N, C-alpha and C. Protein backbone atom coordinates (compact mmCIF):
# COMPACT_ATOMS: atom_id res chain seq x y z
N MET A 1 117.79 -22.06 -0.60
CA MET A 1 117.53 -20.42 -0.33
C MET A 1 116.65 -20.24 -1.20
N ALA A 2 115.57 -19.48 -0.93
CA ALA A 2 114.72 -18.37 -1.43
C ALA A 2 114.90 -17.88 -2.89
N LYS A 3 114.32 -17.49 -3.88
CA LYS A 3 114.52 -16.50 -5.05
C LYS A 3 114.15 -14.94 -4.54
N PRO A 4 114.79 -14.01 -4.83
CA PRO A 4 114.20 -12.97 -4.68
C PRO A 4 112.85 -12.70 -4.86
N VAL A 5 111.81 -11.99 -4.91
CA VAL A 5 110.59 -11.74 -5.31
C VAL A 5 110.61 -10.15 -5.40
N VAL A 6 110.01 -9.84 -7.17
CA VAL A 6 109.80 -8.41 -7.18
C VAL A 6 109.00 -7.96 -7.36
N THR A 7 108.16 -6.88 -6.80
CA THR A 7 106.89 -6.46 -6.52
C THR A 7 106.91 -4.81 -7.04
N ILE A 8 105.78 -4.82 -8.11
CA ILE A 8 105.71 -3.69 -8.64
C ILE A 8 104.38 -3.50 -8.33
N THR A 9 104.24 -2.35 -7.55
CA THR A 9 102.80 -1.51 -7.11
C THR A 9 102.90 -0.15 -8.17
N TYR A 10 101.54 -0.18 -8.40
CA TYR A 10 101.06 0.56 -9.48
C TYR A 10 100.24 1.82 -9.03
N CYS A 11 99.74 2.80 -9.61
CA CYS A 11 98.51 3.49 -8.82
C CYS A 11 97.39 3.24 -10.12
N ILE A 12 95.97 2.78 -9.42
CA ILE A 12 94.91 1.98 -10.63
C ILE A 12 94.34 3.70 -10.85
N GLY A 13 94.42 4.54 -9.97
CA GLY A 13 93.57 5.62 -10.78
C GLY A 13 94.67 6.22 -12.36
N CYS A 14 95.51 6.02 -12.09
CA CYS A 14 96.80 6.82 -13.17
C CYS A 14 96.92 5.86 -14.26
N ASN A 15 96.42 4.58 -14.19
CA ASN A 15 96.27 3.49 -15.08
C ASN A 15 97.58 2.97 -15.35
N TRP A 16 98.63 2.92 -14.38
CA TRP A 16 99.77 2.31 -14.61
C TRP A 16 99.75 1.19 -14.76
N MET A 17 99.09 0.12 -14.60
CA MET A 17 99.18 -1.32 -14.36
C MET A 17 99.54 -1.73 -16.05
N LEU A 18 99.39 -0.89 -17.30
CA LEU A 18 100.46 -1.48 -18.67
C LEU A 18 101.73 -0.88 -18.79
N ARG A 19 102.14 -0.23 -17.79
CA ARG A 19 103.65 0.46 -17.70
C ARG A 19 104.24 -0.76 -16.68
N ALA A 20 103.42 -0.85 -15.51
CA ALA A 20 104.02 -2.01 -14.70
C ALA A 20 104.03 -3.35 -14.90
N SER A 21 103.00 -3.93 -15.96
CA SER A 21 103.62 -5.07 -16.85
C SER A 21 104.40 -5.05 -17.83
N TRP A 22 104.56 -4.21 -18.27
CA TRP A 22 105.69 -3.50 -19.13
C TRP A 22 107.03 -4.26 -18.53
N MET A 23 107.31 -3.63 -17.12
CA MET A 23 108.52 -3.63 -16.20
C MET A 23 108.69 -4.67 -15.95
N ALA A 24 107.82 -5.55 -15.52
CA ALA A 24 108.09 -6.81 -15.29
C ALA A 24 108.16 -7.89 -16.58
N GLN A 25 107.33 -8.03 -17.38
CA GLN A 25 108.15 -8.23 -18.29
C GLN A 25 109.49 -8.21 -18.65
N GLU A 26 109.92 -6.75 -18.97
CA GLU A 26 111.44 -6.64 -18.57
C GLU A 26 112.28 -7.26 -17.87
N ILE A 27 112.00 -6.88 -16.65
CA ILE A 27 112.68 -7.95 -15.65
C ILE A 27 112.61 -9.48 -15.93
N LEU A 28 111.49 -10.31 -15.99
CA LEU A 28 111.78 -11.73 -16.22
C LEU A 28 112.38 -11.91 -17.47
N SER A 29 112.27 -11.34 -18.45
CA SER A 29 113.04 -11.56 -19.51
C SER A 29 114.56 -11.62 -19.30
N THR A 30 114.94 -11.23 -18.33
CA THR A 30 116.90 -10.43 -17.80
C THR A 30 117.06 -11.49 -16.94
N PHE A 31 116.36 -11.72 -16.14
CA PHE A 31 116.40 -12.50 -15.07
C PHE A 31 115.41 -13.84 -14.35
N GLN A 32 115.09 -14.48 -15.52
CA GLN A 32 114.51 -15.10 -15.53
C GLN A 32 114.70 -16.55 -14.53
N GLU A 33 115.90 -16.69 -14.47
CA GLU A 33 116.78 -17.91 -13.47
C GLU A 33 116.94 -17.44 -12.10
N GLN A 34 117.26 -16.17 -12.25
CA GLN A 34 117.45 -15.41 -10.67
C GLN A 34 116.34 -15.48 -9.59
N LEU A 35 115.09 -15.40 -10.53
CA LEU A 35 113.92 -14.79 -9.59
C LEU A 35 112.93 -15.59 -9.22
N GLY A 36 111.97 -15.65 -8.20
CA GLY A 36 111.25 -16.35 -7.67
C GLY A 36 109.79 -15.98 -8.38
N GLY A 37 109.60 -14.96 -8.71
CA GLY A 37 108.63 -13.96 -9.31
C GLY A 37 108.78 -12.41 -9.32
N VAL A 38 107.60 -11.93 -10.25
CA VAL A 38 107.33 -10.67 -10.53
C VAL A 38 106.17 -10.48 -9.90
N THR A 39 105.90 -9.60 -9.31
CA THR A 39 104.23 -9.31 -8.52
C THR A 39 104.01 -7.85 -8.90
N LEU A 40 102.59 -7.89 -9.43
CA LEU A 40 101.62 -6.66 -10.05
C LEU A 40 101.01 -6.28 -8.67
N VAL A 41 100.71 -5.26 -8.10
CA VAL A 41 99.91 -5.14 -7.23
C VAL A 41 99.37 -3.66 -7.37
N PRO A 42 97.97 -3.68 -7.39
CA PRO A 42 97.36 -2.33 -7.68
C PRO A 42 97.41 -1.73 -6.58
N GLY A 43 98.03 -0.13 -6.44
CA GLY A 43 98.38 0.52 -5.24
C GLY A 43 96.93 1.48 -5.22
N GLU A 44 96.82 2.37 -4.23
CA GLU A 44 96.07 3.58 -3.70
C GLU A 44 96.50 4.46 -4.99
N ILE A 45 95.23 5.05 -4.88
CA ILE A 45 95.32 6.31 -6.03
C ILE A 45 96.10 7.76 -5.57
N GLY A 46 96.69 7.76 -6.23
CA GLY A 46 97.88 9.13 -5.37
C GLY A 46 99.05 9.04 -6.31
N GLY A 47 99.35 8.08 -7.52
CA GLY A 47 100.66 8.35 -7.97
C GLY A 47 101.62 7.55 -7.77
N THR A 48 100.99 6.45 -7.20
CA THR A 48 102.12 5.10 -6.57
C THR A 48 102.73 4.61 -7.75
N PHE A 49 103.93 4.63 -8.03
CA PHE A 49 104.84 3.46 -8.69
C PHE A 49 105.80 3.28 -7.98
N GLU A 50 106.04 1.83 -7.34
CA GLU A 50 107.28 1.74 -6.73
C GLU A 50 107.58 0.06 -6.87
N VAL A 51 108.90 -0.02 -6.92
CA VAL A 51 109.39 -1.23 -7.69
C VAL A 51 110.15 -1.99 -6.15
N THR A 52 109.95 -2.95 -5.78
CA THR A 52 111.05 -3.61 -4.44
C THR A 52 111.32 -4.93 -4.88
N VAL A 53 112.50 -5.28 -4.34
CA VAL A 53 112.96 -6.73 -4.83
C VAL A 53 112.60 -7.41 -2.38
N ASP A 54 111.99 -8.04 -2.47
CA ASP A 54 112.01 -8.43 -1.12
C ASP A 54 112.11 -7.42 -0.13
N GLY A 55 111.18 -6.37 -0.37
CA GLY A 55 110.78 -5.77 0.46
C GLY A 55 111.52 -4.42 0.37
N ALA A 56 112.87 -4.50 0.27
CA ALA A 56 113.78 -3.10 0.00
C ALA A 56 113.01 -2.17 -1.65
N VAL A 57 113.28 -1.08 -1.54
CA VAL A 57 112.77 -0.14 -2.41
C VAL A 57 113.79 -0.15 -3.68
N LEU A 58 113.63 -0.07 -4.86
CA LEU A 58 114.38 -0.32 -6.10
C LEU A 58 114.14 1.25 -6.34
N TRP A 59 112.96 1.17 -6.84
CA TRP A 59 112.65 2.55 -7.48
C TRP A 59 111.50 2.99 -6.83
N GLU A 60 111.29 4.36 -6.82
CA GLU A 60 110.02 5.07 -6.09
C GLU A 60 109.70 6.24 -6.87
N ARG A 61 108.40 6.58 -7.96
CA ARG A 61 108.57 7.39 -8.49
C ARG A 61 108.67 8.77 -8.01
N LYS A 62 108.48 8.86 -6.53
CA LYS A 62 108.05 10.64 -6.18
C LYS A 62 109.43 10.68 -5.80
N ARG A 63 110.09 9.60 -5.30
CA ARG A 63 111.70 9.72 -4.82
C ARG A 63 112.74 9.74 -5.66
N ASP A 64 112.40 9.35 -6.91
CA ASP A 64 113.06 8.84 -7.82
C ASP A 64 113.17 9.84 -9.05
N GLY A 65 111.95 11.11 -9.31
CA GLY A 65 111.82 11.65 -9.70
C GLY A 65 111.31 10.93 -11.43
N GLY A 66 110.54 10.09 -11.11
CA GLY A 66 109.53 10.06 -12.61
C GLY A 66 109.72 8.56 -12.38
N PHE A 67 109.44 7.80 -13.69
CA PHE A 67 109.55 6.33 -14.12
C PHE A 67 110.90 5.84 -14.46
N PRO A 68 111.74 5.15 -14.16
CA PRO A 68 112.65 4.22 -14.33
C PRO A 68 112.79 3.61 -16.05
N ASP A 69 113.73 3.73 -16.56
CA ASP A 69 113.59 2.99 -17.62
C ASP A 69 114.16 1.73 -17.54
N ALA A 70 113.73 1.05 -18.62
CA ALA A 70 114.27 -0.69 -18.24
C ALA A 70 115.88 -0.79 -17.84
N LYS A 71 116.52 -0.18 -18.73
CA LYS A 71 118.32 -0.20 -18.71
C LYS A 71 118.48 -0.01 -17.03
N GLU A 72 118.04 1.00 -16.60
CA GLU A 72 118.27 1.42 -14.96
C GLU A 72 117.75 0.54 -13.69
N LEU A 73 116.59 0.46 -14.10
CA LEU A 73 115.80 -0.65 -13.38
C LEU A 73 116.39 -1.76 -13.33
N LYS A 74 117.31 -2.19 -14.44
CA LYS A 74 117.50 -4.10 -14.73
C LYS A 74 118.87 -4.07 -14.09
N ALA A 75 119.40 -2.48 -14.21
CA ALA A 75 121.44 -2.30 -13.45
C ALA A 75 120.66 -2.44 -11.82
N ARG A 76 119.71 -1.83 -11.40
CA ARG A 76 119.53 -1.72 -9.96
C ARG A 76 119.40 -3.01 -9.17
N LEU A 77 118.50 -3.79 -10.09
CA LEU A 77 118.22 -5.06 -9.55
C LEU A 77 118.83 -5.60 -9.46
N ARG A 78 120.06 -5.95 -11.00
CA ARG A 78 120.85 -6.75 -10.69
C ARG A 78 121.95 -6.80 -9.63
N ASP A 79 122.34 -5.52 -9.37
CA ASP A 79 123.27 -4.78 -8.31
C ASP A 79 122.99 -5.56 -6.90
N VAL A 80 121.44 -5.51 -6.94
CA VAL A 80 121.19 -6.57 -5.51
C VAL A 80 121.29 -7.52 -5.74
N ILE A 81 120.69 -8.59 -6.50
CA ILE A 81 120.42 -9.82 -6.72
C ILE A 81 121.54 -10.79 -7.26
N SER A 82 122.14 -9.85 -8.33
CA SER A 82 123.27 -10.92 -9.14
C SER A 82 124.77 -10.11 -9.63
N PRO A 83 125.23 -9.18 -8.79
CA PRO A 83 126.06 -8.13 -9.19
C PRO A 83 126.91 -8.48 -9.78
N GLU A 84 127.70 -9.90 -10.30
CA GLU A 84 128.72 -10.49 -10.76
C GLU A 84 127.50 -10.63 -13.03
N GLN A 85 126.89 -10.96 -12.62
CA GLN A 85 125.87 -10.82 -13.81
C GLN A 85 126.32 -9.51 -14.99
N ASP A 86 126.46 -10.04 -15.91
CA ASP A 86 126.70 -8.98 -16.98
C ASP A 86 125.37 -8.84 -17.64
N LEU A 87 124.83 -7.65 -17.97
CA LEU A 87 123.52 -7.42 -18.79
C LEU A 87 124.03 -6.84 -20.39
N GLY A 88 124.82 -7.23 -20.97
CA GLY A 88 125.02 -6.95 -22.00
C GLY A 88 125.59 -5.73 -22.69
N HIS A 89 124.46 -5.28 -23.82
CA HIS A 89 124.63 -3.99 -23.94
C HIS A 89 124.11 -3.06 -22.99
N ILE A 90 123.34 -3.31 -21.88
CA ILE A 90 123.05 -2.28 -20.88
C ILE A 90 124.12 -1.42 -20.32
N ASP A 91 125.26 -2.83 -19.67
CA ASP A 91 126.37 -2.14 -19.37
C ASP A 91 127.44 -1.49 -20.02
N ARG A 92 127.18 -1.21 -21.61
CA ARG A 92 128.51 -0.78 -22.32
C ARG A 92 127.80 0.58 -22.30
């Protein structure tokens, strides 16, 4: 069975590549064995910042009111790909 893939689409006009790459690093450091990869996608200008797993939206900046912190994003991702996984201090 194929492992899930996370995609982070970010606004190139807003220079959010560093934020997207930091989120990718956080995700990979926590879920390196459960994921098939994390892909960064330069998006259209207009404030795009969206995180999906296999096409399902985990976080969308405009819908969810800003940017996720690493704790919230990891919890949402865990709930989708590995609900039984303990995230240590994040779960406390």
